Amino acid sequence: MDLKNRSDIVTVPFLSDGLMLKGTLHFPKIRRPPFVVGSHGLVSSGDSPKQIALATKLSDAGIAFFRFDHRGRGQSEGDFKTATSLGTRINDLMNAIKIIGSRQDMGKLLGLFGSSMGGTVCLAAASLIPVPAMVTVAAPIQSRTIIRKQHGKERMDVENVFFNDEKRQFDLTDRLQSIRNILIFHGDADDVVPFSNALDLYEKVSEPKRLIRQHGGDHLMSDPKHQAEFIRESTSWFVQTPC
């Protein structure tokens, strides 16, 4: 799919703590649509296939979707190794919500989507602002549960962020009770973020909530059947949320 030729997809740069971040807004052709903001995984970007696919489907359903590159990733400014923490990623997400929410042609925030570390960021942000709906994929709620499976340069980057700096550790277990209307995806064969994170998350958040256990699913959601299920159920979850 050639996204550049779609008239309802626009680039939206914005500032976060003085850094210029690159974002992409999928804008349905209706007046003042509600919007969802996505947060990508630790070493991913806003151009991840899951986000593009979900953004396209939601736009077709009349919901705008904003995906962006966190600082130090993709086309955004910043050094990944020195600028990345849960706190800085929360700031990026909050600034993304602010810039889209301030547009005169946009409706209200409908929800957040986060994959892996992006899910953690969304969960943490929900303790700061009202979030009507949320979808997470393979989100760790405790940094100590993350398994060292990365290789090469990115493995060193990840370990620098989470394993070699105590200040960047996190534990969200006491910040989840107020979160509601959440759809949780997690593969039970995930060898990066163990499935136990999903069970703990589901136990602590409030109704309405749903956990979709993807049998044999890995951290990247590589199975096409799991990907199709994710798009179908996520779209339905957001569409059914009152604007």
C-alpha atoms as a PDB file:
ATOM      1  CA  MET A   1       0.000   0.000   0.000  1.00  0.00           C
ATOM      2  CA  ASP A   2       1.431   3.389  -1.006  1.00  0.00           C
ATOM      3  CA  LEU A   3       0.579   5.564   1.988  1.00  0.00           C
ATOM      4  CA  LYS A   4       2.054   8.702   0.422  1.00  0.00           C
ATOM      5  CA  ASN A   5      -0.693   8.832  -2.181  1.00  0.00           C
ATOM      6  CA  ARG A   6      -3.532   8.766   0.330  1.00  0.00           C
ATOM      7  CA  SER A   7      -5.018  12.240   0.758  1.00  0.00           C
ATOM      8  CA  ASP A   8      -6.200  11.446   4.296  1.00  0.00           C
ATOM      9  CA  ILE A   9      -2.665  10.814   5.645  1.00  0.00           C
ATOM     10  CA  VAL A  10      -0.635  13.837   6.696  1.00  0.00           C
ATOM     11  CA  THR A  11       2.707  14.395   8.422  1.00  0.00           C
ATOM     12  CA  VAL A  12       2.441  16.207  11.747  1.00  0.00           C
ATOM     13  CA  PRO A  13       5.742  17.200  13.397  1.00  0.00           C
ATOM     14  CA  PHE A  14       5.628  18.305  17.032  1.00  0.00           C
ATOM     15  CA  LEU A  15       7.921  19.241  19.896  1.00  0.00           C
ATOM     16  CA  SER A  16       8.535  17.147  22.991  1.00  0.00           C
ATOM     17  CA  ASP A  17      10.960  18.550  25.573  1.00  0.00           C
ATOM     18  CA  GLY A  18      12.570  20.634  22.835  1.00  0.00           C
ATOM     19  CA  LEU A  19      13.026  17.703  20.433  1.00  0.00           C
ATOM     20  CA  MET A  20      11.241  17.602  17.080  1.00  0.00           C
ATOM     21  CA  LEU A  21       9.305  14.376  16.697  1.00  0.00           C
ATOM     22  CA  LYS A  22       7.784  13.072  13.490  1.00  0.00           C
ATOM     23  CA  GLY A  23       4.163  11.958  13.460  1.00  0.00           C
ATOM     24  CA  THR A  24       1.667  10.709  10.892  1.00  0.00           C
ATOM     25  CA  LEU A  25      -2.062  11.374  11.152  1.00  0.00           C
ATOM     26  CA  HIS A  26      -4.576   9.077   9.459  1.00  0.00           C
ATOM     27  CA  PHE A  27      -7.582  11.335   9.002  1.00  0.00           C
ATOM     28  CA  PRO A  28     -10.987   9.888   8.003  1.00  0.00           C
ATOM     29  CA  LYS A  29     -13.053  12.010   5.657  1.00  0.00           C
ATOM     30  CA  ILE A  30     -15.617  13.036   8.258  1.00  0.00           C
ATOM     31  CA  ARG A  31     -16.045  16.171  10.378  1.00  0.00           C
ATOM     32  CA  ARG A  32     -14.131  16.275  13.690  1.00  0.00           C
ATOM     33  CA  PRO A  33     -13.494  12.545  14.149  1.00  0.00           C
ATOM     34  CA  PRO A  34     -12.484  11.082  17.508  1.00  0.00           C
ATOM     35  CA  PHE A  35      -8.864  10.002  17.602  1.00  0.00           C
ATOM     36  CA  VAL A  36      -6.570   7.266  18.896  1.00  0.00           C
ATOM     37  CA  VAL A  37      -2.859   7.791  19.561  1.00  0.00           C
ATOM     38  CA  GLY A  38      -0.361   4.947  19.245  1.00  0.00           C
ATOM     39  CA  SER A  39       2.919   4.343  21.073  1.00  0.00           C
ATOM     40  CA  HIS A  40       5.419   1.948  19.488  1.00  0.00           C
ATOM     41  CA  GLY A  41       7.761  -0.588  21.077  1.00  0.00           C
ATOM     42  CA  LEU A  42      11.160   0.152  22.533  1.00  0.00           C
ATOM     43  CA  VAL A  43      13.272  -0.311  19.382  1.00  0.00           C
ATOM     44  CA  SER A  44      10.460   0.091  16.845  1.00  0.00           C
ATOM     45  CA  SER A  45       8.978   3.207  15.232  1.00  0.00           C
ATOM     46  CA  GLY A  46       5.660   4.719  14.256  1.00  0.00           C
ATOM     47  CA  ASP A  47       5.950   2.917  10.926  1.00  0.00           C
ATOM     48  CA  SER A  48       5.463  -0.517  12.490  1.00  0.00           C
ATOM     49  CA  PRO A  49       3.170  -2.761  10.421  1.00  0.00           C
ATOM     50  CA  LYS A  50       0.739  -3.256  13.319  1.00  0.00           C
ATOM     51  CA  GLN A  51       0.217   0.476  13.740  1.00  0.00           C
ATOM     52  CA  ILE A  52      -0.158   1.153  10.020  1.00  0.00           C
ATOM     53  CA  ALA A  53      -2.680  -1.662   9.647  1.00  0.00           C
ATOM     54  CA  LEU A  54      -4.692  -0.549  12.690  1.00  0.00           C
ATOM     55  CA  ALA A  55      -4.542   3.111  11.641  1.00  0.00           C
ATOM     56  CA  THR A  56      -5.886   2.262   8.200  1.00  0.00           C
ATOM     57  CA  LYS A  57      -8.721   0.131   9.561  1.00  0.00           C
ATOM     58  CA  LEU A  58      -9.756   2.683  12.170  1.00  0.00           C
ATOM     59  CA  SER A  59      -9.656   5.503   9.622  1.00  0.00           C
ATOM     60  CA  ASP A  60     -11.988   3.469   7.412  1.00  0.00           C
ATOM     61  CA  ALA A  61     -14.297   3.188  10.442  1.00  0.00           C
ATOM     62  CA  GLY A  62     -14.340   6.960  11.027  1.00  0.00           C
ATOM     63  CA  ILE A  63     -11.681   7.147  13.762  1.00  0.00           C
ATOM     64  CA  ALA A  64      -8.485   9.153  13.296  1.00  0.00           C
ATOM     65  CA  PHE A  65      -5.187   7.565  14.305  1.00  0.00           C
ATOM     66  CA  PHE A  66      -1.920   9.322  15.136  1.00  0.00           C
ATOM     67  CA  ARG A  67       1.290   7.315  15.074  1.00  0.00           C
ATOM     68  CA  PHE A  68       4.671   8.852  15.761  1.00  0.00           C
ATOM     69  CA  ASP A  69       8.348   8.107  16.343  1.00  0.00           C
ATOM     70  CA  HIS A  70       9.422   8.480  19.955  1.00  0.00           C
ATOM     71  CA  ARG A  71      12.599  10.484  20.548  1.00  0.00           C
ATOM     72  CA  GLY A  72      15.687   8.746  19.239  1.00  0.00           C
ATOM     73  CA  ARG A  73      13.722   6.445  16.919  1.00  0.00           C
ATOM     74  CA  GLY A  74      12.694   6.634  13.276  1.00  0.00           C
ATOM     75  CA  GLN A  75      12.792  10.193  11.968  1.00  0.00           C
ATOM     76  CA  SER A  76      12.548  11.908  15.362  1.00  0.00           C
ATOM     77  CA  GLU A  77      15.333  13.837  17.048  1.00  0.00           C
ATOM     78  CA  GLY A  78      17.191  12.633  20.123  1.00  0.00           C
ATOM     79  CA  ASP A  79      19.714   9.983  21.071  1.00  0.00           C
ATOM     80  CA  PHE A  80      18.047   6.681  21.844  1.00  0.00           C
ATOM     81  CA  LYS A  81      20.554   5.498  24.434  1.00  0.00           C
ATOM     82  CA  THR A  82      20.608   8.679  26.501  1.00  0.00           C
ATOM     83  CA  ALA A  83      17.084  10.051  25.977  1.00  0.00           C
ATOM     84  CA  THR A  84      14.983   6.921  26.454  1.00  0.00           C
ATOM     85  CA  SER A  85      13.163   6.167  29.690  1.00  0.00           C
ATOM     86  CA  LEU A  86       9.593   5.492  30.691  1.00  0.00           C
ATOM     87  CA  GLY A  87       9.295   9.122  31.801  1.00  0.00           C
ATOM     88  CA  THR A  88      10.523  10.619  28.530  1.00  0.00           C
ATOM     89  CA  ARG A  89       8.293   8.312  26.513  1.00  0.00           C
ATOM     90  CA  ILE A  90       5.296   9.347  28.597  1.00  0.00           C
ATOM     91  CA  ASN A  91       6.176  12.971  27.829  1.00  0.00           C
ATOM     92  CA  ASP A  92       6.302  12.167  24.115  1.00  0.00           C
ATOM     93  CA  LEU A  93       2.889  10.508  24.249  1.00  0.00           C
ATOM     94  CA  MET A  94       1.325  13.320  26.261  1.00  0.00           C
ATOM     95  CA  ASN A  95       2.670  15.902  23.817  1.00  0.00           C
ATOM     96  CA  ALA A  96       1.335  13.849  20.894  1.00  0.00           C
ATOM     97  CA  ILE A  97      -2.118  13.789  22.487  1.00  0.00           C
ATOM     98  CA  LYS A  98      -1.915  17.530  23.103  1.00  0.00           C
ATOM     99  CA  ILE A  99      -0.938  18.456  19.532  1.00  0.00           C
ATOM    100  CA  ILE A 100      -3.679  16.341  17.947  1.00  0.00           C
ATOM    101  CA  GLY A 101      -6.282  17.334  20.513  1.00  0.00           C
ATOM    102  CA  SER A 102      -5.585  21.018  19.825  1.00  0.00           C
ATOM    103  CA  ARG A 103      -6.496  20.731  16.145  1.00  0.00           C
ATOM    104  CA  GLN A 104      -9.747  22.466  15.220  1.00  0.00           C
ATOM    105  CA  ASP A 105     -10.602  19.686  12.778  1.00  0.00           C
ATOM    106  CA  MET A 106     -10.256  16.928  15.378  1.00  0.00           C
ATOM    107  CA  GLY A 107     -12.709  15.556  17.924  1.00  0.00           C
ATOM    108  CA  LYS A 108     -11.926  14.158  21.367  1.00  0.00           C
ATOM    109  CA  LEU A 109      -9.389  11.546  22.441  1.00  0.00           C
ATOM    110  CA  LEU A 110     -11.031   8.143  22.078  1.00  0.00           C
ATOM    111  CA  GLY A 111      -8.185   5.922  23.184  1.00  0.00           C
ATOM    112  CA  LEU A 112      -4.581   4.792  23.220  1.00  0.00           C
ATOM    113  CA  PHE A 113      -2.814   1.898  21.564  1.00  0.00           C
ATOM    114  CA  GLY A 114       0.550   0.592  22.703  1.00  0.00           C
ATOM    115  CA  SER A 115       2.734  -2.308  21.625  1.00  0.00           C
ATOM    116  CA  SER A 116       5.314  -3.779  24.025  1.00  0.00           C
ATOM    117  CA  MET A 117       7.042  -0.825  25.732  1.00  0.00           C
ATOM    118  CA  GLY A 118       4.448   1.377  24.045  1.00  0.00           C
ATOM    119  CA  GLY A 119       1.785  -0.453  26.002  1.00  0.00           C
ATOM    120  CA  THR A 120       3.642   0.326  29.209  1.00  0.00           C
ATOM    121  CA  VAL A 121       3.752   3.988  28.206  1.00  0.00           C
ATOM    122  CA  CYS A 122      -0.005   4.035  27.568  1.00  0.00           C
ATOM    123  CA  LEU A 123      -0.745   2.355  30.891  1.00  0.00           C
ATOM    124  CA  ALA A 124       1.388   4.891  32.736  1.00  0.00           C
ATOM    125  CA  ALA A 125      -0.176   7.826  30.861  1.00  0.00           C
ATOM    126  CA  ALA A 126      -3.652   6.633  31.836  1.00  0.00           C
ATOM    127  CA  SER A 127      -2.862   7.531  35.439  1.00  0.00           C
ATOM    128  CA  LEU A 128      -2.376  11.153  34.330  1.00  0.00           C
ATOM    129  CA  ILE A 129      -5.323  11.762  31.994  1.00  0.00           C
ATOM    130  CA  PRO A 130      -8.728  10.159  31.324  1.00  0.00           C
ATOM    131  CA  VAL A 131      -8.423   7.508  28.609  1.00  0.00           C
ATOM    132  CA  PRO A 132     -11.803   6.234  27.373  1.00  0.00           C
ATOM    133  CA  ALA A 133     -10.394   3.066  25.780  1.00  0.00           C
ATOM    134  CA  MET A 134      -7.073   1.273  25.460  1.00  0.00           C
ATOM    135  CA  VAL A 135      -5.552  -1.628  23.533  1.00  0.00           C
ATOM    136  CA  THR A 136      -2.175  -3.101  24.492  1.00  0.00           C
ATOM    137  CA  VAL A 137      -0.016  -5.778  22.906  1.00  0.00           C
ATOM    138  CA  ALA A 138       2.651  -7.661  24.882  1.00  0.00           C
ATOM    139  CA  ALA A 139       3.077  -4.855  27.411  1.00  0.00           C
ATOM    140  CA  PRO A 140       5.461  -5.352  30.345  1.00  0.00           C
ATOM    141  CA  ILE A 141       4.256  -3.896  33.638  1.00  0.00           C
ATOM    142  CA  GLN A 142       7.549  -4.585  35.437  1.00  0.00           C
ATOM    143  CA  SER A 143      10.900  -3.987  33.749  1.00  0.00           C
ATOM    144  CA  ARG A 144      12.539  -6.803  35.706  1.00  0.00           C
ATOM    145  CA  THR A 145      10.426  -9.359  33.826  1.00  0.00           C
ATOM    146  CA  ILE A 146      11.832  -8.418  30.404  1.00  0.00           C
ATOM    147  CA  ILE A 147      14.026 -11.224  29.057  1.00  0.00           C
ATOM    148  CA  ARG A 148      17.327 -10.437  27.334  1.00  0.00           C
ATOM    149  CA  LYS A 149      16.716 -11.797  23.848  1.00  0.00           C
ATOM    150  CA  GLN A 150      17.957  -8.952  21.650  1.00  0.00           C
ATOM    151  CA  HIS A 151      21.165  -9.287  19.647  1.00  0.00           C
ATOM    152  CA  GLY A 152      23.921  -7.024  18.343  1.00  0.00           C
ATOM    153  CA  LYS A 153      23.805  -3.241  18.663  1.00  0.00           C
ATOM    154  CA  GLU A 154      20.126  -3.086  19.625  1.00  0.00           C
ATOM    155  CA  ARG A 155      20.740  -5.635  22.374  1.00  0.00           C
ATOM    156  CA  MET A 156      23.387  -3.324  23.831  1.00  0.00           C
ATOM    157  CA  ASP A 157      21.034  -0.351  23.494  1.00  0.00           C
ATOM    158  CA  VAL A 158      18.204  -2.165  25.265  1.00  0.00           C
ATOM    159  CA  GLU A 159      20.444  -3.400  28.050  1.00  0.00           C
ATOM    160  CA  ASN A 160      21.810   0.102  28.528  1.00  0.00           C
ATOM    161  CA  VAL A 161      18.271   1.429  28.959  1.00  0.00           C
ATOM    162  CA  PHE A 162      16.762  -1.222  31.211  1.00  0.00           C
ATOM    163  CA  PHE A 163      19.357  -3.494  32.736  1.00  0.00           C
ATOM    164  CA  ASN A 164      22.331  -1.262  33.441  1.00  0.00           C
ATOM    165  CA  ASP A 165      20.581   1.790  34.910  1.00  0.00           C
ATOM    166  CA  GLU A 166      18.462   1.389  38.038  1.00  0.00           C
ATOM    167  CA  LYS A 167      16.865   4.787  37.471  1.00  0.00           C
ATOM    168  CA  ARG A 168      15.182   3.460  34.327  1.00  0.00           C
ATOM    169  CA  GLN A 169      13.544   0.464  35.972  1.00  0.00           C
ATOM    170  CA  PHE A 170       9.763   0.573  36.337  1.00  0.00           C
ATOM    171  CA  ASP A 171       6.918  -1.185  38.123  1.00  0.00           C
ATOM    172  CA  LEU A 172       3.334  -0.198  37.281  1.00  0.00           C
ATOM    173  CA  THR A 173       1.566  -2.722  39.484  1.00  0.00           C
ATOM    174  CA  ASP A 174       0.249  -0.047  41.864  1.00  0.00           C
ATOM    175  CA  ARG A 175      -0.939   2.299  39.079  1.00  0.00           C
ATOM    176  CA  LEU A 176      -3.360   0.077  37.186  1.00  0.00           C
ATOM    177  CA  GLN A 177      -6.573  -0.109  39.186  1.00  0.00           C
ATOM    178  CA  SER A 178      -8.090   3.043  37.706  1.00  0.00           C
ATOM    179  CA  ILE A 179      -7.653   1.792  34.139  1.00  0.00           C
ATOM    180  CA  ARG A 180     -10.831   0.467  32.516  1.00  0.00           C
ATOM    181  CA  ASN A 181     -12.172  -0.438  29.081  1.00  0.00           C
ATOM    182  CA  ILE A 182      -8.936  -2.158  28.104  1.00  0.00           C
ATOM    183  CA  LEU A 183      -8.298  -4.903  25.566  1.00  0.00           C
ATOM    184  CA  ILE A 184      -5.101  -6.877  26.209  1.00  0.00           C
ATOM    185  CA  PHE A 185      -3.303  -9.042  23.640  1.00  0.00           C
ATOM    186  CA  HIS A 186      -0.396 -11.289  24.563  1.00  0.00           C
ATOM    187  CA  GLY A 187       1.177 -14.381  23.040  1.00  0.00           C
ATOM    188  CA  ASP A 188       1.710 -17.200  25.506  1.00  0.00           C
ATOM    189  CA  ALA A 189       5.015 -18.108  23.813  1.00  0.00           C
ATOM    190  CA  ASP A 190       6.431 -14.588  24.141  1.00  0.00           C
ATOM    191  CA  ASP A 191      10.118 -14.987  25.049  1.00  0.00           C
ATOM    192  CA  VAL A 192      10.777 -11.267  25.546  1.00  0.00           C
ATOM    193  CA  VAL A 193       7.873 -10.146  27.748  1.00  0.00           C
ATOM    194  CA  PRO A 194       6.470 -13.207  29.537  1.00  0.00           C
ATOM    195  CA  PHE A 195       2.734 -13.890  29.336  1.00  0.00           C
ATOM    196  CA  SER A 196       2.540 -13.525  33.121  1.00  0.00           C
ATOM    197  CA  ASN A 197       2.579  -9.756  32.560  1.00  0.00           C
ATOM    198  CA  ALA A 198      -0.765 -10.010  30.779  1.00  0.00           C
ATOM    199  CA  LEU A 199      -2.277 -12.083  33.594  1.00  0.00           C
ATOM    200  CA  ASP A 200      -1.096  -9.586  36.203  1.00  0.00           C
ATOM    201  CA  LEU A 201      -2.321  -6.653  34.121  1.00  0.00           C
ATOM    202  CA  TYR A 202      -5.742  -8.206  33.578  1.00  0.00           C
ATOM    203  CA  GLU A 203      -6.099  -8.951  37.284  1.00  0.00           C
ATOM    204  CA  LYS A 204      -5.364  -5.372  38.345  1.00  0.00           C
ATOM    205  CA  VAL A 205      -7.298  -3.268  35.803  1.00  0.00           C
ATOM    206  CA  SER A 206     -11.026  -2.619  36.130  1.00  0.00           C
ATOM    207  CA  GLU A 207     -14.032  -3.689  34.059  1.00  0.00           C
ATOM    208  CA  PRO A 208     -14.779  -3.587  31.216  1.00  0.00           C
ATOM    209  CA  LYS A 209     -11.681  -5.541  30.262  1.00  0.00           C
ATOM    210  CA  ARG A 210     -10.742  -8.430  28.015  1.00  0.00           C
ATOM    211  CA  LEU A 211      -7.630 -10.553  27.650  1.00  0.00           C
ATOM    212  CA  ILE A 212      -6.978 -12.296  24.332  1.00  0.00           C
ATOM    213  CA  ARG A 213      -4.419 -15.056  24.810  1.00  0.00           C
ATOM    214  CA  GLN A 214      -2.760 -15.790  21.486  1.00  0.00           C
ATOM    215  CA  HIS A 215      -1.782 -19.449  21.703  1.00  0.00           C
ATOM    216  CA  GLY A 216       1.773 -20.030  20.501  1.00  0.00           C
ATOM    217  CA  GLY A 217       2.112 -16.306  19.825  1.00  0.00           C
ATOM    218  CA  ASP A 218       5.530 -14.662  19.935  1.00  0.00           C
ATOM    219  CA  HIS A 219       6.497 -11.144  20.982  1.00  0.00           C
ATOM    220  CA  LEU A 220       6.314  -9.746  17.435  1.00  0.00           C
ATOM    221  CA  MET A 221       2.906 -11.275  16.700  1.00  0.00           C
ATOM    222  CA  SER A 222       4.378 -13.038  13.676  1.00  0.00           C
ATOM    223  CA  ASP A 223       1.428 -15.355  13.008  1.00  0.00           C
ATOM    224  CA  PRO A 224      -0.859 -13.878  10.287  1.00  0.00           C
ATOM    225  CA  LYS A 225      -3.889 -15.343  12.086  1.00  0.00           C
ATOM    226  CA  HIS A 226      -2.944 -13.483  15.249  1.00  0.00           C
ATOM    227  CA  GLN A 227      -2.406 -10.293  13.266  1.00  0.00           C
ATOM    228  CA  ALA A 228      -5.843 -10.572  11.669  1.00  0.00           C
ATOM    229  CA  GLU A 229      -7.422 -11.213  15.070  1.00  0.00           C
ATOM    230  CA  PHE A 230      -5.630  -8.182  16.493  1.00  0.00           C
ATOM    231  CA  ILE A 231      -6.893  -5.836  13.763  1.00  0.00           C
ATOM    232  CA  ARG A 232     -10.444  -7.175  13.903  1.00  0.00           C
ATOM    233  CA  GLU A 233     -10.854  -7.139  17.675  1.00  0.00           C
ATOM    234  CA  SER A 234      -8.984  -3.866  18.266  1.00  0.00           C
ATOM    235  CA  THR A 235     -11.096  -2.048  15.694  1.00  0.00           C
ATOM    236  CA  SER A 236     -14.270  -3.409  17.265  1.00  0.00           C
ATOM    237  CA  TRP A 237     -13.095  -2.372  20.741  1.00  0.00           C
ATOM    238  CA  PHE A 238     -12.497   1.230  19.729  1.00  0.00           C
ATOM    239  CA  VAL A 239     -15.602   1.480  17.537  1.00  0.00           C
ATOM    240  CA  GLN A 240     -17.837   0.317  20.397  1.00  0.00           C
ATOM    241  CA  THR A 241     -16.439   2.947  22.787  1.00  0.00           C
ATOM    242  CA  PRO A 242     -18.786   5.980  23.066  1.00  0.00           C
ATOM    243  CA  CYS A 243     -17.235   9.169  21.716  1.00  0.00           C
END
